[in-house]
Amino acid sequence: MRVDVDQDLCISCGTCIDICPDVFQWNEENKASSAVDHIPADLEEQAHEAAENCPTEAITDI
């Protein structure tokens, strides 16, 4: 599993980073981005929860 964060939709609320800091991080523009290319199986549920809780639906599961 992978995730993509649409930089045009991200409002830098930090919800995804709070829920799953091992997968999401802040980038140079202070927006969320994926910190990993492939999400480890033990973090998939957290990453999916982060995507579901994004207020702007900027995160998509790939």
N, C-alpha and C. Protein backbone atom coordinates (compact mmCIF):
# COMPACT_ATOMS: atom_id res chain seq x y z
N MET A 1 0.84 -1.18 0.00
CA MET A 1 0.00 0.00 0.00
C MET A 1 0.88 1.24 0.00
N ARG A 2 0.40 2.24 -0.71
CA ARG A 2 1.05 3.56 -0.74
C ARG A 2 -0.02 4.61 -0.53
N VAL A 3 0.38 5.81 -0.16
CA VAL A 3 -0.54 6.93 -0.05
C VAL A 3 0.02 8.12 -0.81
N ASP A 4 -0.89 8.94 -1.27
CA ASP A 4 -0.51 10.17 -1.96
C ASP A 4 -1.25 11.31 -1.29
N VAL A 5 -0.55 12.42 -1.06
CA VAL A 5 -1.17 13.60 -0.47
C VAL A 5 -1.22 14.67 -1.54
N ASP A 6 -2.43 15.07 -1.91
CA ASP A 6 -2.63 16.13 -2.91
C ASP A 6 -2.24 17.45 -2.26
N GLN A 7 -1.15 18.02 -2.70
CA GLN A 7 -0.62 19.25 -2.10
C GLN A 7 -1.55 20.45 -2.30
N ASP A 8 -2.38 20.41 -3.34
CA ASP A 8 -3.32 21.50 -3.56
C ASP A 8 -4.50 21.45 -2.58
N LEU A 9 -4.80 20.26 -2.08
CA LEU A 9 -5.91 20.10 -1.14
C LEU A 9 -5.48 20.15 0.32
N CYS A 10 -4.24 19.83 0.60
CA CYS A 10 -3.75 19.80 1.98
C CYS A 10 -3.81 21.20 2.60
N ILE A 11 -4.39 21.28 3.82
CA ILE A 11 -4.48 22.56 4.52
C ILE A 11 -3.57 22.60 5.76
N SER A 12 -2.69 21.63 5.86
CA SER A 12 -1.70 21.57 6.94
C SER A 12 -2.33 21.46 8.33
N CYS A 13 -3.42 20.73 8.43
CA CYS A 13 -4.07 20.59 9.74
C CYS A 13 -3.31 19.63 10.66
N GLY A 14 -2.57 18.68 10.08
CA GLY A 14 -1.75 17.77 10.87
C GLY A 14 -2.44 16.53 11.39
N THR A 15 -3.70 16.34 11.04
CA THR A 15 -4.43 15.17 11.53
C THR A 15 -3.73 13.87 11.13
N CYS A 16 -3.30 13.78 9.89
CA CYS A 16 -2.65 12.55 9.42
C CYS A 16 -1.35 12.28 10.18
N ILE A 17 -0.61 13.32 10.47
CA ILE A 17 0.65 13.17 11.19
C ILE A 17 0.38 12.76 12.64
N ASP A 18 -0.67 13.31 13.23
CA ASP A 18 -1.05 12.92 14.59
C ASP A 18 -1.46 11.46 14.65
N ILE A 19 -2.20 11.00 13.65
CA ILE A 19 -2.70 9.62 13.64
C ILE A 19 -1.62 8.63 13.27
N CYS A 20 -0.78 8.98 12.30
CA CYS A 20 0.21 8.02 11.79
C CYS A 20 1.55 8.71 11.48
N PRO A 21 2.29 9.09 12.51
CA PRO A 21 3.54 9.83 12.29
C PRO A 21 4.65 9.01 11.63
N ASP A 22 4.52 7.69 11.61
CA ASP A 22 5.53 6.87 10.94
C ASP A 22 5.36 6.87 9.42
N VAL A 23 4.21 7.35 8.96
CA VAL A 23 3.94 7.38 7.51
C VAL A 23 3.90 8.80 6.97
N PHE A 24 3.38 9.74 7.75
CA PHE A 24 3.22 11.12 7.28
C PHE A 24 4.19 12.05 7.98
N GLN A 25 4.62 13.07 7.25
CA GLN A 25 5.56 14.06 7.78
C GLN A 25 5.27 15.41 7.13
N TRP A 26 5.86 16.46 7.69
CA TRP A 26 5.75 17.78 7.08
C TRP A 26 6.81 17.91 5.98
N ASN A 27 6.44 18.54 4.87
CA ASN A 27 7.43 18.78 3.81
C ASN A 27 7.93 20.22 3.90
N GLU A 28 8.71 20.64 2.93
CA GLU A 28 9.32 21.98 2.93
C GLU A 28 8.29 23.10 2.92
N GLU A 29 7.10 22.83 2.38
CA GLU A 29 6.05 23.84 2.30
C GLU A 29 5.10 23.76 3.50
N ASN A 30 5.51 23.00 4.53
CA ASN A 30 4.69 22.80 5.73
C ASN A 30 3.34 22.18 5.42
N LYS A 31 3.35 21.27 4.47
CA LYS A 31 2.18 20.47 4.15
C LYS A 31 2.54 19.02 4.39
N ALA A 32 1.51 18.21 4.61
CA ALA A 32 1.75 16.79 4.87
C ALA A 32 2.21 16.09 3.59
N SER A 33 3.06 15.09 3.79
CA SER A 33 3.50 14.26 2.68
C SER A 33 3.81 12.87 3.22
N SER A 34 3.95 11.93 2.32
CA SER A 34 4.28 10.58 2.73
C SER A 34 5.76 10.48 3.03
N ALA A 35 6.09 9.88 4.16
CA ALA A 35 7.48 9.73 4.57
C ALA A 35 8.09 8.43 4.06
N VAL A 36 7.25 7.55 3.51
CA VAL A 36 7.71 6.24 3.05
C VAL A 36 7.16 5.96 1.66
N ASP A 37 7.89 5.17 0.89
CA ASP A 37 7.42 4.78 -0.44
C ASP A 37 6.38 3.68 -0.36
N HIS A 38 6.58 2.75 0.56
CA HIS A 38 5.65 1.64 0.73
C HIS A 38 5.33 1.52 2.22
N ILE A 39 4.05 1.49 2.55
CA ILE A 39 3.64 1.44 3.93
C ILE A 39 3.74 0.01 4.46
N PRO A 40 4.46 -0.20 5.55
CA PRO A 40 4.56 -1.53 6.13
C PRO A 40 3.17 -2.04 6.53
N ALA A 41 2.97 -3.33 6.45
CA ALA A 41 1.67 -3.94 6.72
C ALA A 41 1.14 -3.56 8.10
N ASP A 42 2.01 -3.45 9.09
CA ASP A 42 1.54 -3.14 10.44
C ASP A 42 1.09 -1.69 10.60
N LEU A 43 1.33 -0.83 9.60
CA LEU A 43 0.90 0.56 9.66
C LEU A 43 -0.23 0.88 8.69
N GLU A 44 -0.65 -0.10 7.89
CA GLU A 44 -1.68 0.15 6.89
C GLU A 44 -2.99 0.63 7.49
N GLU A 45 -3.41 0.03 8.59
CA GLU A 45 -4.67 0.43 9.22
C GLU A 45 -4.61 1.88 9.70
N GLN A 46 -3.49 2.26 10.32
CA GLN A 46 -3.33 3.64 10.77
C GLN A 46 -3.31 4.61 9.60
N ALA A 47 -2.62 4.25 8.52
CA ALA A 47 -2.55 5.12 7.35
C ALA A 47 -3.93 5.29 6.72
N HIS A 48 -4.69 4.22 6.67
CA HIS A 48 -6.05 4.29 6.13
C HIS A 48 -6.93 5.17 7.02
N GLU A 49 -6.76 5.05 8.33
CA GLU A 49 -7.52 5.90 9.26
C GLU A 49 -7.16 7.37 9.06
N ALA A 50 -5.88 7.64 8.84
CA ALA A 50 -5.45 9.02 8.60
C ALA A 50 -6.10 9.56 7.33
N ALA A 51 -6.15 8.75 6.28
CA ALA A 51 -6.78 9.18 5.03
C ALA A 51 -8.26 9.45 5.23
N GLU A 52 -8.93 8.59 5.98
CA GLU A 52 -10.37 8.76 6.23
C GLU A 52 -10.66 10.01 7.05
N ASN A 53 -9.73 10.41 7.90
CA ASN A 53 -9.94 11.56 8.77
C ASN A 53 -9.44 12.88 8.20
N CYS A 54 -8.87 12.86 7.01
CA CYS A 54 -8.40 14.10 6.39
C CYS A 54 -9.62 14.98 6.06
N PRO A 55 -9.69 16.20 6.60
CA PRO A 55 -10.87 17.04 6.40
C PRO A 55 -11.06 17.50 4.95
N THR A 56 -10.01 17.49 4.16
CA THR A 56 -10.14 17.93 2.76
C THR A 56 -10.04 16.78 1.78
N GLU A 57 -9.96 15.54 2.30
CA GLU A 57 -9.83 14.35 1.46
C GLU A 57 -8.61 14.44 0.54
N ALA A 58 -7.52 14.99 1.06
CA ALA A 58 -6.30 15.17 0.27
C ALA A 58 -5.48 13.88 0.13
N ILE A 59 -5.79 12.89 0.99
CA ILE A 59 -4.99 11.66 1.01
C ILE A 59 -5.74 10.55 0.28
N THR A 60 -5.04 9.91 -0.65
CA THR A 60 -5.63 8.77 -1.35
C THR A 60 -4.73 7.55 -1.14
N ASP A 61 -5.39 6.41 -0.98
CA ASP A 61 -4.69 5.14 -0.88
C ASP A 61 -4.40 4.65 -2.30
N ILE A 62 -3.19 4.18 -2.51
CA ILE A 62 -2.82 3.66 -3.82
C ILE A 62 -2.53 2.19 -3.68
